[in-house]
Amino acid sequence: MELKNQEITIESDEQLVEFIKQYGFEGNGTKTNPFIIKNIISRCGTIHNSHIALCNITYHVIITNCIFYTYTSTLEELRQSGQTRVYPLNVQPCIIDLVSSENIALIGNIFQSSQQTRIWSDISLCHVNNIIIFGNHFMTYSDSHIQLEEDNKHISIIGNVFYPPETDVGSVSYQQPFSLKYSVLCHNILYETKIRENLPKPSKRTFHKVYIDKNYCVKSRRYL
C-alpha cells in the first residue's frame, strides 16, 4: 500500500480498530493475534509532523516491512495545507510518534529521508510500555534515530542498523527529564555513530534494570 502525504494519526483503541478495518490489515489486537500493519510505502513531506502517530493504544500491534521516506515539502504544498510553520520547512519532528501506548512492535522497517531534510527523531517514545524495535534500518538525516522522553519502560531495541545521524547527539538519545526501566539495548550495529554517553544529572534521569551490551560500532570497531 502506497501513501503520499498522508499522516496516520490514531488517538484511541477505537480509532485503531477502524483503521485496521478500513485498510484490511490482519489480526484482532490480542497478544496471540496482534494487529499487523505491513507493506506500507509512506512518502511524506515535512508539512506533516509524522508519518504515524499512535496515542493511548493498548491493543497489541506490529508495524512491519514498511518504508518511511521523508522529503522537504515545497512552498506550494505548504500553502495548500494552510499551515503556519513554527520551525523551518525542511524539518519534521519525527517519523513514528508513540505516546501513552503499549504493546507495539516495530520490526523490519526502513527509515529514509532526503539529504536536505532534517528530522529531529525517527522514533519518539513518551510514556510507553512494552515496545519492541527490532531489525530496522535507519538511514535518515536525523538529529537522533530514537528519542526517549518521559517515563518509558520495557523497551527492547535489538538488532537494528543505525547509520550516522546528522549531529553528535547519538543514535539513541533523550530529553530531560526522562526515565527508562526494565529495558534492553543490544546487538545493534552503529555506523560511525554512538549511543549518547553524556548522561544528564542524576536528579533528572532514572535508569533501573537497563541492559546495554554487544552493540557494535563499525568505525571504532568496539562493542558498547
C-alpha atoms as a PDB file:
ATOM      1  CA  MET A   1       0.000   0.000   0.000  1.00  0.00           C
ATOM      2  CA  GLU A   2       1.414   3.362  -1.018  1.00  0.00           C
ATOM      3  CA  LEU A   3       0.637   6.539   0.877  1.00  0.00           C
ATOM      4  CA  LYS A   4       1.736  10.021  -0.182  1.00  0.00           C
ATOM      5  CA  ASN A   5       1.476  12.955   2.196  1.00  0.00           C
ATOM      6  CA  GLN A   6      -0.986  11.067   4.361  1.00  0.00           C
ATOM      7  CA  GLU A   7      -0.251  11.318   8.065  1.00  0.00           C
ATOM      8  CA  ILE A   8      -1.795   8.483  10.078  1.00  0.00           C
ATOM      9  CA  THR A   9      -2.947   9.808  13.463  1.00  0.00           C
ATOM     10  CA  ILE A  10      -4.678   7.364  15.792  1.00  0.00           C
ATOM     11  CA  GLU A  11      -5.613   8.541  19.287  1.00  0.00           C
ATOM     12  CA  SER A  12      -7.579   5.630  20.746  1.00  0.00           C
ATOM     13  CA  ASP A  13      -8.158   1.891  20.506  1.00  0.00           C
ATOM     14  CA  GLU A  14     -11.469   2.591  18.770  1.00  0.00           C
ATOM     15  CA  GLN A  15      -9.785   4.633  16.048  1.00  0.00           C
ATOM     16  CA  LEU A  16      -7.184   1.888  15.640  1.00  0.00           C
ATOM     17  CA  VAL A  17      -9.873  -0.749  15.033  1.00  0.00           C
ATOM     18  CA  GLU A  18     -11.490   1.499  12.403  1.00  0.00           C
ATOM     19  CA  PHE A  19      -8.111   1.982  10.697  1.00  0.00           C
ATOM     20  CA  ILE A  20      -7.422  -1.774  10.641  1.00  0.00           C
ATOM     21  CA  LYS A  21     -10.836  -2.472   9.117  1.00  0.00           C
ATOM     22  CA  GLN A  22     -10.519   0.327   6.567  1.00  0.00           C
ATOM     23  CA  TYR A  23      -7.260  -0.993   5.122  1.00  0.00           C
ATOM     24  CA  GLY A  24      -7.911  -4.697   5.655  1.00  0.00           C
ATOM     25  CA  PHE A  25      -4.955  -5.461   7.915  1.00  0.00           C
ATOM     26  CA  GLU A  26      -4.778  -8.767   9.779  1.00  0.00           C
ATOM     27  CA  GLY A  27      -5.274  -9.625  13.451  1.00  0.00           C
ATOM     28  CA  ASN A  28      -7.628  -8.868  16.315  1.00  0.00           C
ATOM     29  CA  GLY A  29      -5.250  -6.972  18.614  1.00  0.00           C
ATOM     30  CA  THR A  30      -4.625  -9.719  21.144  1.00  0.00           C
ATOM     31  CA  LYS A  31      -1.208 -10.917  22.283  1.00  0.00           C
ATOM     32  CA  THR A  32      -1.527 -14.134  20.270  1.00  0.00           C
ATOM     33  CA  ASN A  33      -3.094 -12.465  17.211  1.00  0.00           C
ATOM     34  CA  PRO A  34      -1.882  -8.851  17.069  1.00  0.00           C
ATOM     35  CA  PHE A  35      -2.906  -6.287  14.517  1.00  0.00           C
ATOM     36  CA  ILE A  36      -0.306  -6.405  11.726  1.00  0.00           C
ATOM     37  CA  ILE A  37       0.231  -3.174   9.819  1.00  0.00           C
ATOM     38  CA  LYS A  38       2.542  -4.123   6.965  1.00  0.00           C
ATOM     39  CA  ASN A  39       3.862  -3.350   3.497  1.00  0.00           C
ATOM     40  CA  ILE A  40       3.206   0.379   3.661  1.00  0.00           C
ATOM     41  CA  ILE A  41       5.316   2.654   1.470  1.00  0.00           C
ATOM     42  CA  SER A  42       4.834   6.081   3.002  1.00  0.00           C
ATOM     43  CA  ARG A  43       6.261   9.147   1.263  1.00  0.00           C
ATOM     44  CA  CYS A  44       5.554  12.088   3.494  1.00  0.00           C
ATOM     45  CA  GLY A  45       6.588  15.737   3.314  1.00  0.00           C
ATOM     46  CA  THR A  46       7.710  17.877   6.199  1.00  0.00           C
ATOM     47  CA  ILE A  47       4.378  19.721   6.301  1.00  0.00           C
ATOM     48  CA  HIS A  48       3.297  16.716   8.393  1.00  0.00           C
ATOM     49  CA  ASN A  49       4.506  16.220  11.972  1.00  0.00           C
ATOM     50  CA  SER A  50       4.983  12.468  11.461  1.00  0.00           C
ATOM     51  CA  HIS A  51       4.086   9.504   9.259  1.00  0.00           C
ATOM     52  CA  ILE A  52       2.373   7.546  12.044  1.00  0.00           C
ATOM     53  CA  ALA A  53       1.274   8.886  15.449  1.00  0.00           C
ATOM     54  CA  LEU A  54      -0.224   6.437  17.940  1.00  0.00           C
ATOM     55  CA  CYS A  55      -1.606   7.641  21.255  1.00  0.00           C
ATOM     56  CA  ASN A  56      -3.488   5.810  24.046  1.00  0.00           C
ATOM     57  CA  ILE A  57      -3.163   2.400  22.365  1.00  0.00           C
ATOM     58  CA  THR A  58      -3.455  -0.770  24.456  1.00  0.00           C
ATOM     59  CA  TYR A  59      -4.009  -3.353  21.686  1.00  0.00           C
ATOM     60  CA  HIS A  60      -1.066  -5.437  20.519  1.00  0.00           C
ATOM     61  CA  VAL A  61       0.250  -4.003  17.234  1.00  0.00           C
ATOM     62  CA  ILE A  62       3.080  -4.956  14.872  1.00  0.00           C
ATOM     63  CA  ILE A  63       4.278  -2.479  12.241  1.00  0.00           C
ATOM     64  CA  THR A  64       6.475  -4.393   9.821  1.00  0.00           C
ATOM     65  CA  ASN A  65       8.059  -4.390   6.366  1.00  0.00           C
ATOM     66  CA  CYS A  66       7.253  -0.718   5.792  1.00  0.00           C
ATOM     67  CA  ILE A  67       9.286   2.032   4.135  1.00  0.00           C
ATOM     68  CA  PHE A  68       9.028   5.539   5.555  1.00  0.00           C
ATOM     69  CA  TYR A  69      10.555   8.248   3.362  1.00  0.00           C
ATOM     70  CA  THR A  70      10.543  11.919   4.360  1.00  0.00           C
ATOM     71  CA  TYR A  71      11.261  14.775   1.972  1.00  0.00           C
ATOM     72  CA  THR A  72      11.223  18.559   2.304  1.00  0.00           C
ATOM     73  CA  SER A  73       7.821  19.910   1.314  1.00  0.00           C
ATOM     74  CA  THR A  74       7.561  22.658  -1.274  1.00  0.00           C
ATOM     75  CA  LEU A  75       6.218  26.135  -0.588  1.00  0.00           C
ATOM     76  CA  GLU A  76       3.208  25.270  -2.758  1.00  0.00           C
ATOM     77  CA  GLU A  77       2.436  22.233  -0.585  1.00  0.00           C
ATOM     78  CA  LEU A  78       2.714  24.458   2.490  1.00  0.00           C
ATOM     79  CA  ARG A  79       0.294  26.988   1.016  1.00  0.00           C
ATOM     80  CA  GLN A  80      -2.175  24.264   0.091  1.00  0.00           C
ATOM     81  CA  SER A  81      -2.028  22.834   3.607  1.00  0.00           C
ATOM     82  CA  GLY A  82      -2.913  26.185   5.171  1.00  0.00           C
ATOM     83  CA  GLN A  83      -0.355  25.674   7.931  1.00  0.00           C
ATOM     84  CA  THR A  84       1.615  28.290   9.805  1.00  0.00           C
ATOM     85  CA  ARG A  85       5.104  26.945  10.467  1.00  0.00           C
ATOM     86  CA  VAL A  86       6.837  27.433  13.812  1.00  0.00           C
ATOM     87  CA  TYR A  87      10.030  25.761  12.538  1.00  0.00           C
ATOM     88  CA  PRO A  88      11.780  25.616   9.141  1.00  0.00           C
ATOM     89  CA  LEU A  89      10.069  23.926   6.203  1.00  0.00           C
ATOM     90  CA  ASN A  90      12.807  21.283   5.915  1.00  0.00           C
ATOM     91  CA  VAL A  91      12.147  19.973   9.469  1.00  0.00           C
ATOM     92  CA  GLN A  92       9.913  17.075  10.526  1.00  0.00           C
ATOM     93  CA  PRO A  93       9.664  16.361  14.285  1.00  0.00           C
ATOM     94  CA  CYS A  94       9.557  12.572  13.931  1.00  0.00           C
ATOM     95  CA  ILE A  95       8.559   9.704  11.642  1.00  0.00           C
ATOM     96  CA  ILE A  96       6.806   7.496  14.196  1.00  0.00           C
ATOM     97  CA  ASP A  97       5.439   9.076  17.369  1.00  0.00           C
ATOM     98  CA  LEU A  98       4.323   6.774  20.200  1.00  0.00           C
ATOM     99  CA  VAL A  99       2.679   8.420  23.214  1.00  0.00           C
ATOM    100  CA  SER A 100       0.946   6.832  26.228  1.00  0.00           C
ATOM    101  CA  SER A 101       0.760   3.479  24.421  1.00  0.00           C
ATOM    102  CA  GLU A 102       1.866  -0.093  24.964  1.00  0.00           C
ATOM    103  CA  ASN A 103       2.358  -3.442  23.222  1.00  0.00           C
ATOM    104  CA  ILE A 104       3.719  -2.052  19.940  1.00  0.00           C
ATOM    105  CA  ALA A 105       6.475  -3.701  17.867  1.00  0.00           C
ATOM    106  CA  LEU A 106       8.374  -2.068  15.003  1.00  0.00           C
ATOM    107  CA  ILE A 107      10.026  -4.864  13.039  1.00  0.00           C
ATOM    108  CA  GLY A 108      11.967  -4.862   9.785  1.00  0.00           C
ATOM    109  CA  ASN A 109      11.138  -1.350   8.618  1.00  0.00           C
ATOM    110  CA  ILE A 110      13.271   1.111   6.642  1.00  0.00           C
ATOM    111  CA  PHE A 111      13.518   4.790   7.580  1.00  0.00           C
ATOM    112  CA  GLN A 112      14.866   7.144   4.903  1.00  0.00           C
ATOM    113  CA  SER A 113      14.961  10.854   4.140  1.00  0.00           C
ATOM    114  CA  SER A 114      16.268  13.245   1.525  1.00  0.00           C
ATOM    115  CA  GLN A 115      19.605  14.857   2.280  1.00  0.00           C
ATOM    116  CA  GLN A 116      18.111  18.328   2.646  1.00  0.00           C
ATOM    117  CA  THR A 117      15.556  17.156   5.202  1.00  0.00           C
ATOM    118  CA  ARG A 118      16.162  17.350   8.936  1.00  0.00           C
ATOM    119  CA  ILE A 119      14.277  15.009  11.255  1.00  0.00           C
ATOM    120  CA  TRP A 120      14.503  15.536  14.985  1.00  0.00           C
ATOM    121  CA  SER A 121      13.996  11.816  15.679  1.00  0.00           C
ATOM    122  CA  ASP A 122      12.897   8.840  13.596  1.00  0.00           C
ATOM    123  CA  ILE A 123      11.037   7.274  16.516  1.00  0.00           C
ATOM    124  CA  SER A 124       9.835   9.248  19.536  1.00  0.00           C
ATOM    125  CA  LEU A 125       8.792   7.407  22.713  1.00  0.00           C
ATOM    126  CA  CYS A 126       6.938   9.084  25.577  1.00  0.00           C
ATOM    127  CA  HIS A 127       5.069   7.348  28.412  1.00  0.00           C
ATOM    128  CA  VAL A 128       5.178   3.974  26.661  1.00  0.00           C
ATOM    129  CA  ASN A 129       5.433   0.394  27.868  1.00  0.00           C
ATOM    130  CA  ASN A 130       6.362  -2.901  26.213  1.00  0.00           C
ATOM    131  CA  ILE A 131       7.785  -1.509  22.957  1.00  0.00           C
ATOM    132  CA  ILE A 132       9.958  -3.631  20.637  1.00  0.00           C
ATOM    133  CA  ILE A 133      12.200  -2.015  17.998  1.00  0.00           C
ATOM    134  CA  PHE A 134      13.836  -4.885  16.133  1.00  0.00           C
ATOM    135  CA  GLY A 135      15.640  -5.341  12.823  1.00  0.00           C
ATOM    136  CA  ASN A 136      15.019  -1.870  11.413  1.00  0.00           C
ATOM    137  CA  HIS A 137      17.349   0.156   9.169  1.00  0.00           C
ATOM    138  CA  PHE A 138      17.711   3.854   9.975  1.00  0.00           C
ATOM    139  CA  MET A 139      19.126   5.786   7.017  1.00  0.00           C
ATOM    140  CA  THR A 140      17.812   9.283   7.692  1.00  0.00           C
ATOM    141  CA  TYR A 141      19.358  12.701   8.115  1.00  0.00           C
ATOM    142  CA  SER A 142      18.115  12.994  11.672  1.00  0.00           C
ATOM    143  CA  ASP A 143      19.311  14.516  14.931  1.00  0.00           C
ATOM    144  CA  SER A 144      18.845  11.125  16.576  1.00  0.00           C
ATOM    145  CA  HIS A 145      17.210   7.922  15.432  1.00  0.00           C
ATOM    146  CA  ILE A 146      15.361   7.045  18.648  1.00  0.00           C
ATOM    147  CA  GLN A 147      14.302   9.734  21.112  1.00  0.00           C
ATOM    148  CA  LEU A 148      13.417   8.735  24.674  1.00  0.00           C
ATOM    149  CA  GLU A 149      11.199  11.134  26.542  1.00  0.00           C
ATOM    150  CA  GLU A 150       9.387  10.785  29.858  1.00  0.00           C
ATOM    151  CA  ASP A 151       8.558   7.566  31.720  1.00  0.00           C
ATOM    152  CA  ASN A 152       9.351   4.644  29.408  1.00  0.00           C
ATOM    153  CA  LYS A 153       9.689   1.034  30.499  1.00  0.00           C
ATOM    154  CA  HIS A 154      10.123  -2.403  28.986  1.00  0.00           C
ATOM    155  CA  ILE A 155      11.730  -1.048  25.806  1.00  0.00           C
ATOM    156  CA  SER A 156      13.664  -3.540  23.646  1.00  0.00           C
ATOM    157  CA  ILE A 157      15.956  -2.039  20.979  1.00  0.00           C
ATOM    158  CA  ILE A 158      17.620  -5.046  19.362  1.00  0.00           C
ATOM    159  CA  GLY A 159      19.287  -5.921  16.072  1.00  0.00           C
ATOM    160  CA  ASN A 160      18.848  -2.569  14.320  1.00  0.00           C
ATOM    161  CA  VAL A 161      21.264  -0.858  11.925  1.00  0.00           C
ATOM    162  CA  PHE A 162      21.874   2.827  12.640  1.00  0.00           C
ATOM    163  CA  TYR A 163      23.571   4.941  10.007  1.00  0.00           C
ATOM    164  CA  PRO A 164      25.103   8.216  11.185  1.00  0.00           C
ATOM    165  CA  PRO A 165      22.713  10.858  12.488  1.00  0.00           C
ATOM    166  CA  GLU A 166      23.450  14.427  11.477  1.00  0.00           C
ATOM    167  CA  THR A 167      24.590  15.566  14.946  1.00  0.00           C
ATOM    168  CA  ASP A 168      26.738  14.151  17.718  1.00  0.00           C
ATOM    169  CA  VAL A 169      23.690  13.585  19.909  1.00  0.00           C
ATOM    170  CA  GLY A 170      23.816   9.869  19.100  1.00  0.00           C
ATOM    171  CA  SER A 171      21.529   7.225  17.638  1.00  0.00           C
ATOM    172  CA  VAL A 172      19.642   6.775  20.900  1.00  0.00           C
ATOM    173  CA  SER A 173      19.125   9.979  22.876  1.00  0.00           C
ATOM    174  CA  TYR A 174      16.716  11.540  25.326  1.00  0.00           C
ATOM    175  CA  GLN A 175      15.117  14.706  26.589  1.00  0.00           C
ATOM    176  CA  GLN A 176      15.201  15.764  30.209  1.00  0.00           C
ATOM    177  CA  PRO A 177      13.679  14.665  32.436  1.00  0.00           C
ATOM    178  CA  PHE A 178      13.213  11.075  31.365  1.00  0.00           C
ATOM    179  CA  SER A 179      13.172   7.574  32.794  1.00  0.00           C
ATOM    180  CA  LEU A 180      13.975   4.172  31.312  1.00  0.00           C
ATOM    181  CA  LYS A 181      13.229   0.997  33.249  1.00  0.00           C
ATOM    182  CA  TYR A 182      13.414  -2.772  32.682  1.00  0.00           C
ATOM    183  CA  SER A 183      14.769  -2.332  29.160  1.00  0.00           C
ATOM    184  CA  VAL A 184      17.255  -3.883  26.714  1.00  0.00           C
ATOM    185  CA  LEU A 185      19.567  -2.234  24.180  1.00  0.00           C
ATOM    186  CA  CYS A 186      21.765  -4.813  22.467  1.00  0.00           C
ATOM    187  CA  HIS A 187      23.054  -6.384  19.230  1.00  0.00           C
ATOM    188  CA  ASN A 188      22.645  -3.169  17.230  1.00  0.00           C
ATOM    189  CA  ILE A 189      25.100  -2.009  14.541  1.00  0.00           C
ATOM    190  CA  LEU A 190      26.110   1.647  14.605  1.00  0.00           C
ATOM    191  CA  TYR A 191      27.974   3.150  11.644  1.00  0.00           C
ATOM    192  CA  GLU A 192      30.270   5.986  12.736  1.00  0.00           C
ATOM    193  CA  THR A 193      27.848   6.912  15.468  1.00  0.00           C
ATOM    194  CA  LYS A 194      27.211   6.221  19.115  1.00  0.00           C
ATOM    195  CA  ILE A 195      24.769   5.785  21.931  1.00  0.00           C
ATOM    196  CA  ARG A 196      24.728   9.008  23.887  1.00  0.00           C
ATOM    197  CA  GLU A 197      27.111   8.818  26.822  1.00  0.00           C
ATOM    198  CA  ASN A 198      26.960  12.260  28.423  1.00  0.00           C
ATOM    199  CA  LEU A 199      24.056  11.471  30.730  1.00  0.00           C
ATOM    200  CA  PRO A 200      22.074  14.250  32.391  1.00  0.00           C
ATOM    201  CA  LYS A 201      22.325  14.923  36.109  1.00  0.00           C
ATOM    202  CA  PRO A 202      21.064  12.056  38.302  1.00  0.00           C
ATOM    203  CA  SER A 203      18.215  14.175  39.623  1.00  0.00           C
ATOM    204  CA  LYS A 204      16.794  14.445  36.120  1.00  0.00           C
ATOM    205  CA  ARG A 205      17.103  10.866  34.947  1.00  0.00           C
ATOM    206  CA  THR A 206      16.175   7.391  36.085  1.00  0.00           C
ATOM    207  CA  PHE A 207      17.805   4.161  34.898  1.00  0.00           C
ATOM    208  CA  HIS A 208      16.573   0.974  36.514  1.00  0.00           C
ATOM    209  CA  LYS A 209      17.500  -2.503  35.319  1.00  0.00           C
ATOM    210  CA  VAL A 210      18.602  -1.391  31.849  1.00  0.00           C
ATOM    211  CA  TYR A 211      20.775  -3.887  29.945  1.00  0.00           C
ATOM    212  CA  ILE A 212      23.155  -2.421  27.332  1.00  0.00           C
ATOM    213  CA  ASP A 213      25.503  -4.886  25.658  1.00  0.00           C
ATOM    214  CA  LYS A 214      27.013  -6.104  22.377  1.00  0.00           C
ATOM    215  CA  ASN A 215      26.252  -3.020  20.281  1.00  0.00           C
ATOM    216  CA  TYR A 216      28.912  -2.899  17.564  1.00  0.00           C
ATOM    217  CA  CYS A 217      30.357   0.450  16.487  1.00  0.00           C
ATOM    218  CA  VAL A 218      31.755  -0.076  12.976  1.00  0.00           C
ATOM    219  CA  LYS A 219      34.070   2.947  12.848  1.00  0.00           C
ATOM    220  CA  SER A 220      35.730   2.364  16.206  1.00  0.00           C
ATOM    221  CA  ARG A 221      35.368  -1.424  15.988  1.00  0.00           C
ATOM    222  CA  ARG A 222      34.307  -1.801  19.541  1.00  0.00           C
ATOM    223  CA  TYR A 223      31.321  -3.026  21.438  1.00  0.00           C
ATOM    224  CA  LEU A 224      29.204  -0.984  23.846  1.00  0.00           C
END
